[in-house]
Each structure stands twice: as C-alpha cells, then as structure tokens.
Amino acid sequence: MAQRDAGGDVERIRRGDLWTVTLEAFPKPRPALIVSIDPLNDLRPDVLVVPITTRPGPLRVEIPDAAAVTGLRERCYVKCESVGPLHKSQMKARIGQLPGSAWPPIEAGLCRVLGIRVE
C-alpha cells in the first residue's frame, strides 16, 4: 500500500524519515526511523526501521532535541537492538526527519548490535 501525501501523490519514503508505524510487538502505533537506503526504499515493498522509545537503555541512542524537525515531543531514543524490516502498509504517517548530525552515533549503535567493525 503506497503512502499518499495531502495532495494525493505517492509520498516517497527516505532514509532518515521518522514515521508513525504499527509493529506486531507493540499494540499501539509508535515512531520509527527509516534506516534503509533510498534506492531500496523506492523498489522494495518493505523498509528497514528502528523503533523509537522514550526509555533509555544500553543499546539505545538519544535523538537530539529538535522537535521542529523530528516531530517528536519528548526525549526519545533509537532502539538499535530492534532494527528490522517493516512492510510499507504498516507505515501510517511521516512525522519528521532525523537531523544529519544525529546519524553518526546511531550508525555506530547499529554497527555495534550487528557486530560490524568500523575501522
């Protein structure tokens, strides 16, 4: 199911977007970060996402307080330990964008949980 913007056009899903999504493991919609690259996002029926939570944890990375950009109203954390695929039909609404400066610690967190060494 393609997402449509207010004008009825198909909305492009981009790396770094923050969306409200429905996940099987959680009963209510929650925000998630799109981490898959744009060429895959354009071609595949699913995307790679990382859920967002308000609870800190050892493998979670804090999102900078930039509510005007992110659309997040509270202090939030990317749950790097929960990265996974999500069918686009489970995406509800785009709420914002991750600031570019927030990527390095999130990428490091994802590498850590995936066992990828960056030298």
N, C-alpha and C. Protein backbone atom coordinates (compact mmCIF):
# COMPACT_ATOMS: atom_id res chain seq x y z
N MET A 1 0.85 -1.17 0.00
CA MET A 1 0.00 0.00 0.00
C MET A 1 0.89 1.24 0.00
N ALA A 2 0.75 2.07 -1.00
CA ALA A 2 1.57 3.28 -1.10
C ALA A 2 1.03 4.37 -0.19
N GLN A 3 1.94 5.10 0.42
CA GLN A 3 1.54 6.23 1.26
C GLN A 3 1.31 7.44 0.36
N ARG A 4 0.31 8.21 0.67
CA ARG A 4 -0.01 9.39 -0.14
C ARG A 4 0.10 10.64 0.72
N ASP A 5 0.58 11.70 0.11
CA ASP A 5 0.66 12.96 0.85
C ASP A 5 -0.69 13.68 0.77
N ALA A 6 -0.76 14.88 1.33
CA ALA A 6 -2.04 15.61 1.40
C ALA A 6 -2.63 15.90 0.02
N GLY A 7 -1.78 15.99 -0.99
CA GLY A 7 -2.26 16.26 -2.35
C GLY A 7 -2.65 15.02 -3.11
N GLY A 8 -2.53 13.84 -2.49
CA GLY A 8 -2.90 12.59 -3.16
C GLY A 8 -1.75 11.93 -3.90
N ASP A 9 -0.57 12.57 -3.93
CA ASP A 9 0.58 11.99 -4.60
C ASP A 9 1.23 10.95 -3.70
N VAL A 10 1.89 9.96 -4.31
CA VAL A 10 2.59 8.95 -3.53
C VAL A 10 3.76 9.62 -2.82
N GLU A 11 3.84 9.42 -1.51
CA GLU A 11 4.89 10.04 -0.71
C GLU A 11 6.12 9.14 -0.71
N ARG A 12 7.25 9.71 -1.05
CA ARG A 12 8.50 8.95 -1.09
C ARG A 12 9.01 8.72 0.32
N ILE A 13 9.43 7.50 0.58
CA ILE A 13 9.98 7.13 1.88
C ILE A 13 11.49 7.22 1.78
N ARG A 14 12.10 8.03 2.65
CA ARG A 14 13.54 8.28 2.57
C ARG A 14 14.26 7.88 3.84
N ARG A 15 15.52 7.51 3.66
CA ARG A 15 16.39 7.23 4.79
C ARG A 15 16.42 8.48 5.69
N GLY A 16 16.25 8.28 6.97
CA GLY A 16 16.26 9.39 7.91
C GLY A 16 14.89 9.92 8.25
N ASP A 17 13.86 9.47 7.51
CA ASP A 17 12.50 9.88 7.84
C ASP A 17 12.07 9.26 9.17
N LEU A 18 11.24 9.96 9.89
CA LEU A 18 10.60 9.44 11.09
C LEU A 18 9.11 9.28 10.76
N TRP A 19 8.62 8.06 10.97
CA TRP A 19 7.23 7.72 10.65
C TRP A 19 6.55 7.13 11.86
N THR A 20 5.25 7.31 11.95
CA THR A 20 4.45 6.55 12.89
C THR A 20 4.14 5.23 12.20
N VAL A 21 4.41 4.12 12.90
CA VAL A 21 4.24 2.79 12.32
C VAL A 21 3.50 1.88 13.28
N THR A 22 3.00 0.78 12.75
CA THR A 22 2.37 -0.25 13.56
C THR A 22 3.29 -1.47 13.52
N LEU A 23 3.76 -1.89 14.69
CA LEU A 23 4.65 -3.05 14.80
C LEU A 23 3.91 -4.18 15.51
N GLU A 24 4.15 -5.42 15.09
CA GLU A 24 3.47 -6.55 15.72
C GLU A 24 3.77 -6.65 17.21
N ALA A 25 4.98 -6.30 17.61
CA ALA A 25 5.40 -6.46 19.01
C ALA A 25 4.79 -5.40 19.94
N PHE A 26 4.20 -4.35 19.37
CA PHE A 26 3.68 -3.26 20.19
C PHE A 26 2.23 -2.99 19.80
N PRO A 27 1.32 -2.90 20.77
CA PRO A 27 -0.10 -2.77 20.47
C PRO A 27 -0.52 -1.41 19.93
N LYS A 28 0.26 -0.37 20.16
CA LYS A 28 -0.15 0.95 19.69
C LYS A 28 0.89 1.49 18.69
N PRO A 29 0.46 2.39 17.79
CA PRO A 29 1.41 2.99 16.85
C PRO A 29 2.53 3.70 17.60
N ARG A 30 3.72 3.66 17.01
CA ARG A 30 4.88 4.30 17.63
C ARG A 30 5.76 4.87 16.54
N PRO A 31 6.63 5.81 16.87
CA PRO A 31 7.53 6.35 15.86
C PRO A 31 8.66 5.37 15.56
N ALA A 32 9.16 5.45 14.34
CA ALA A 32 10.29 4.63 13.92
C ALA A 32 11.14 5.43 12.93
N LEU A 33 12.42 5.10 12.88
CA LEU A 33 13.38 5.73 11.98
C LEU A 33 13.62 4.82 10.79
N ILE A 34 13.55 5.35 9.58
CA ILE A 34 13.87 4.60 8.37
C ILE A 34 15.39 4.59 8.22
N VAL A 35 15.99 3.39 8.18
CA VAL A 35 17.45 3.29 8.07
C VAL A 35 17.90 2.69 6.75
N SER A 36 17.00 2.10 5.97
CA SER A 36 17.39 1.53 4.68
C SER A 36 17.67 2.66 3.69
N ILE A 37 18.47 2.34 2.68
CA ILE A 37 18.89 3.36 1.70
C ILE A 37 17.76 3.64 0.70
N ASP A 38 17.76 4.84 0.15
CA ASP A 38 16.67 5.28 -0.72
C ASP A 38 16.44 4.39 -1.95
N PRO A 39 17.50 3.89 -2.65
CA PRO A 39 17.22 3.01 -3.79
C PRO A 39 16.41 1.77 -3.40
N LEU A 40 16.68 1.19 -2.22
CA LEU A 40 15.88 0.05 -1.75
C LEU A 40 14.49 0.49 -1.35
N ASN A 41 14.40 1.64 -0.70
CA ASN A 41 13.09 2.15 -0.28
C ASN A 41 12.17 2.37 -1.48
N ASP A 42 12.76 2.79 -2.61
CA ASP A 42 11.97 3.04 -3.82
C ASP A 42 11.49 1.75 -4.49
N LEU A 43 12.26 0.67 -4.36
CA LEU A 43 11.99 -0.55 -5.11
C LEU A 43 11.29 -1.66 -4.33
N ARG A 44 11.48 -1.71 -3.03
CA ARG A 44 11.01 -2.83 -2.22
C ARG A 44 9.66 -2.52 -1.57
N PRO A 45 8.88 -3.57 -1.25
CA PRO A 45 7.62 -3.36 -0.54
C PRO A 45 7.81 -3.15 0.96
N ASP A 46 9.06 -3.33 1.43
CA ASP A 46 9.35 -3.12 2.85
C ASP A 46 10.57 -2.22 3.00
N VAL A 47 10.75 -1.73 4.21
CA VAL A 47 11.89 -0.86 4.54
C VAL A 47 12.49 -1.37 5.85
N LEU A 48 13.73 -0.97 6.11
CA LEU A 48 14.34 -1.29 7.40
C LEU A 48 14.09 -0.13 8.34
N VAL A 49 13.58 -0.45 9.53
CA VAL A 49 13.28 0.59 10.52
C VAL A 49 13.89 0.23 11.86
N VAL A 50 14.03 1.26 12.68
CA VAL A 50 14.43 1.09 14.07
C VAL A 50 13.36 1.81 14.89
N PRO A 51 12.69 1.09 15.79
CA PRO A 51 11.67 1.74 16.63
C PRO A 51 12.29 2.81 17.53
N ILE A 52 11.44 3.73 17.93
CA ILE A 52 11.85 4.82 18.82
C ILE A 52 11.06 4.70 20.10
N THR A 53 11.73 4.95 21.22
CA THR A 53 11.11 4.84 22.53
C THR A 53 11.50 6.04 23.39
N THR A 54 10.78 6.23 24.48
CA THR A 54 11.14 7.28 25.44
C THR A 54 11.99 6.71 26.58
N ARG A 55 12.25 5.41 26.55
CA ARG A 55 13.04 4.77 27.61
C ARG A 55 14.49 4.58 27.20
N PRO A 56 15.43 5.10 27.97
CA PRO A 56 16.85 4.89 27.65
C PRO A 56 17.24 3.43 27.92
N GLY A 57 18.33 3.02 27.32
CA GLY A 57 18.85 1.67 27.53
C GLY A 57 20.27 1.59 27.01
N PRO A 58 20.96 0.49 27.32
CA PRO A 58 22.39 0.39 26.97
C PRO A 58 22.68 0.38 25.48
N LEU A 59 21.76 -0.06 24.64
CA LEU A 59 21.99 -0.10 23.20
C LEU A 59 21.16 0.94 22.45
N ARG A 60 20.65 1.91 23.19
CA ARG A 60 19.78 2.94 22.61
C ARG A 60 20.53 4.25 22.49
N VAL A 61 20.25 4.97 21.42
CA VAL A 61 20.93 6.24 21.14
C VAL A 61 19.91 7.36 21.22
N GLU A 62 20.26 8.39 21.97
CA GLU A 62 19.35 9.53 22.14
C GLU A 62 19.26 10.34 20.85
N ILE A 63 18.04 10.75 20.53
CA ILE A 63 17.81 11.64 19.40
C ILE A 63 17.90 13.07 19.91
N PRO A 64 18.66 13.93 19.22
CA PRO A 64 18.76 15.32 19.68
C PRO A 64 17.40 15.99 19.77
N ASP A 65 17.27 16.88 20.74
CA ASP A 65 16.02 17.61 20.94
C ASP A 65 15.87 18.63 19.81
N ALA A 66 15.10 18.26 18.81
CA ALA A 66 14.85 19.15 17.67
C ALA A 66 13.42 18.89 17.20
N ALA A 67 12.47 19.12 18.08
CA ALA A 67 11.07 18.78 17.82
C ALA A 67 10.54 19.39 16.53
N ALA A 68 11.00 20.58 16.18
CA ALA A 68 10.52 21.22 14.96
C ALA A 68 10.90 20.43 13.71
N VAL A 69 12.00 19.66 13.79
CA VAL A 69 12.47 18.87 12.66
C VAL A 69 11.99 17.42 12.77
N THR A 70 12.12 16.84 13.97
CA THR A 70 11.80 15.42 14.15
C THR A 70 10.33 15.14 14.32
N GLY A 71 9.59 16.08 14.85
CA GLY A 71 8.18 15.84 15.16
C GLY A 71 7.97 15.10 16.47
N LEU A 72 9.06 14.83 17.18
CA LEU A 72 8.98 14.11 18.46
C LEU A 72 8.82 15.12 19.59
N ARG A 73 7.88 14.88 20.48
CA ARG A 73 7.56 15.85 21.53
C ARG A 73 8.26 15.58 22.85
N GLU A 74 8.92 14.42 22.97
CA GLU A 74 9.60 14.06 24.21
C GLU A 74 11.04 13.67 23.91
N ARG A 75 11.83 13.50 24.96
CA ARG A 75 13.17 12.96 24.80
C ARG A 75 13.02 11.52 24.33
N CYS A 76 13.65 11.17 23.21
CA CYS A 76 13.47 9.85 22.62
C CYS A 76 14.80 9.19 22.30
N TYR A 77 14.73 7.88 22.16
CA TYR A 77 15.91 7.05 21.91
C TYR A 77 15.62 6.08 20.77
N VAL A 78 16.62 5.88 19.91
CA VAL A 78 16.54 4.90 18.84
C VAL A 78 16.90 3.54 19.43
N LYS A 79 16.02 2.55 19.26
CA LYS A 79 16.23 1.20 19.81
C LYS A 79 17.08 0.38 18.83
N CYS A 80 18.39 0.65 18.83
CA CYS A 80 19.28 -0.01 17.87
C CYS A 80 19.18 -1.53 17.93
N GLU A 81 18.85 -2.06 19.09
CA GLU A 81 18.75 -3.51 19.26
C GLU A 81 17.53 -4.11 18.58
N SER A 82 16.65 -3.28 18.01
CA SER A 82 15.40 -3.77 17.43
C SER A 82 15.26 -3.47 15.94
N VAL A 83 16.37 -3.28 15.24
CA VAL A 83 16.31 -3.00 13.81
C VAL A 83 15.69 -4.18 13.07
N GLY A 84 14.83 -3.87 12.07
CA GLY A 84 14.22 -4.94 11.31
C GLY A 84 13.37 -4.41 10.16
N PRO A 85 12.86 -5.33 9.33
CA PRO A 85 12.04 -4.93 8.18
C PRO A 85 10.61 -4.60 8.60
N LEU A 86 9.99 -3.75 7.81
CA LEU A 86 8.60 -3.39 8.04
C LEU A 86 7.94 -3.19 6.68
N HIS A 87 6.80 -3.85 6.47
CA HIS A 87 6.08 -3.67 5.22
C HIS A 87 5.51 -2.25 5.18
N LYS A 88 5.56 -1.65 4.02
CA LYS A 88 5.10 -0.26 3.89
C LYS A 88 3.64 -0.07 4.28
N SER A 89 2.84 -1.12 4.22
CA SER A 89 1.43 -0.99 4.60
C SER A 89 1.28 -0.71 6.09
N GLN A 90 2.34 -0.95 6.89
CA GLN A 90 2.29 -0.70 8.33
C GLN A 90 2.77 0.72 8.68
N MET A 91 3.10 1.50 7.66
CA MET A 91 3.53 2.87 7.88
C MET A 91 2.30 3.77 7.82
N LYS A 92 2.14 4.61 8.85
CA LYS A 92 0.93 5.41 8.96
C LYS A 92 1.12 6.85 8.51
N ALA A 93 2.09 7.57 9.07
CA ALA A 93 2.26 8.98 8.73
C ALA A 93 3.70 9.40 8.96
N ARG A 94 4.22 10.22 8.04
CA ARG A 94 5.56 10.79 8.21
C ARG A 94 5.42 11.93 9.22
N ILE A 95 6.29 11.88 10.26
CA ILE A 95 6.19 12.91 11.29
C ILE A 95 7.37 13.87 11.31
N GLY A 96 8.48 13.50 10.66
CA GLY A 96 9.64 14.38 10.66
C GLY A 96 10.84 13.73 10.02
N GLN A 97 11.99 14.32 10.31
CA GLN A 97 13.26 13.90 9.72
C GLN A 97 14.33 13.92 10.80
N LEU A 98 15.23 12.96 10.74
CA LEU A 98 16.34 12.93 11.67
C LEU A 98 17.37 13.98 11.26
N PRO A 99 17.84 14.83 12.18
CA PRO A 99 18.89 15.78 11.82
C PRO A 99 20.16 15.04 11.38
N GLY A 100 20.84 15.54 10.38
CA GLY A 100 22.05 14.90 9.87
C GLY A 100 23.10 14.65 10.93
N SER A 101 23.21 15.56 11.89
CA SER A 101 24.21 15.42 12.95
C SER A 101 23.93 14.24 13.88
N ALA A 102 22.71 13.70 13.84
CA ALA A 102 22.35 12.58 14.72
C ALA A 102 22.76 11.23 14.15
N TRP A 103 23.12 11.16 12.87
CA TRP A 103 23.44 9.88 12.24
C TRP A 103 24.66 9.17 12.80
N PRO A 104 25.80 9.81 13.02
CA PRO A 104 26.99 9.06 13.46
C PRO A 104 26.79 8.19 14.70
N PRO A 105 26.19 8.68 15.79
CA PRO A 105 26.01 7.78 16.93
C PRO A 105 24.98 6.66 16.66
N ILE A 106 23.99 6.93 15.84
CA ILE A 106 23.00 5.90 15.51
C ILE A 106 23.65 4.83 14.63
N GLU A 107 24.42 5.24 13.63
CA GLU A 107 25.13 4.27 12.79
C GLU A 107 26.09 3.44 13.63
N ALA A 108 26.78 4.07 14.58
CA ALA A 108 27.69 3.32 15.46
C ALA A 108 26.91 2.32 16.31
N GLY A 109 25.75 2.71 16.81
CA GLY A 109 24.91 1.81 17.59
C GLY A 109 24.43 0.63 16.78
N LEU A 110 24.04 0.88 15.52
CA LEU A 110 23.60 -0.21 14.65
C LEU A 110 24.75 -1.15 14.34
N CYS A 111 25.93 -0.60 14.07
CA CYS A 111 27.10 -1.45 13.83
C CYS A 111 27.41 -2.31 15.05
N ARG A 112 27.28 -1.73 16.22
CA ARG A 112 27.55 -2.47 17.46
C ARG A 112 26.62 -3.67 17.60
N VAL A 113 25.32 -3.48 17.38
CA VAL A 113 24.38 -4.60 17.57
C VAL A 113 24.46 -5.61 16.43
N LEU A 114 24.95 -5.18 15.26
CA LEU A 114 25.08 -6.11 14.14
C LEU A 114 26.47 -6.76 14.08
N GLY A 115 27.37 -6.35 14.98
CA GLY A 115 28.70 -6.93 15.01
C GLY A 115 29.57 -6.49 13.86
N ILE A 116 29.32 -5.29 13.34
CA ILE A 116 30.10 -4.77 12.22
C ILE A 116 31.18 -3.86 12.78
N ARG A 117 32.43 -4.19 12.46
CA ARG A 117 33.54 -3.35 12.91
C ARG A 117 33.84 -2.26 11.90
N VAL A 118 33.92 -1.05 12.37
CA VAL A 118 34.27 0.07 11.53
C VAL A 118 35.64 0.55 11.97
N GLU A 119 36.57 0.55 11.04
CA GLU A 119 37.94 0.94 11.42
C GLU A 119 38.35 2.22 10.77
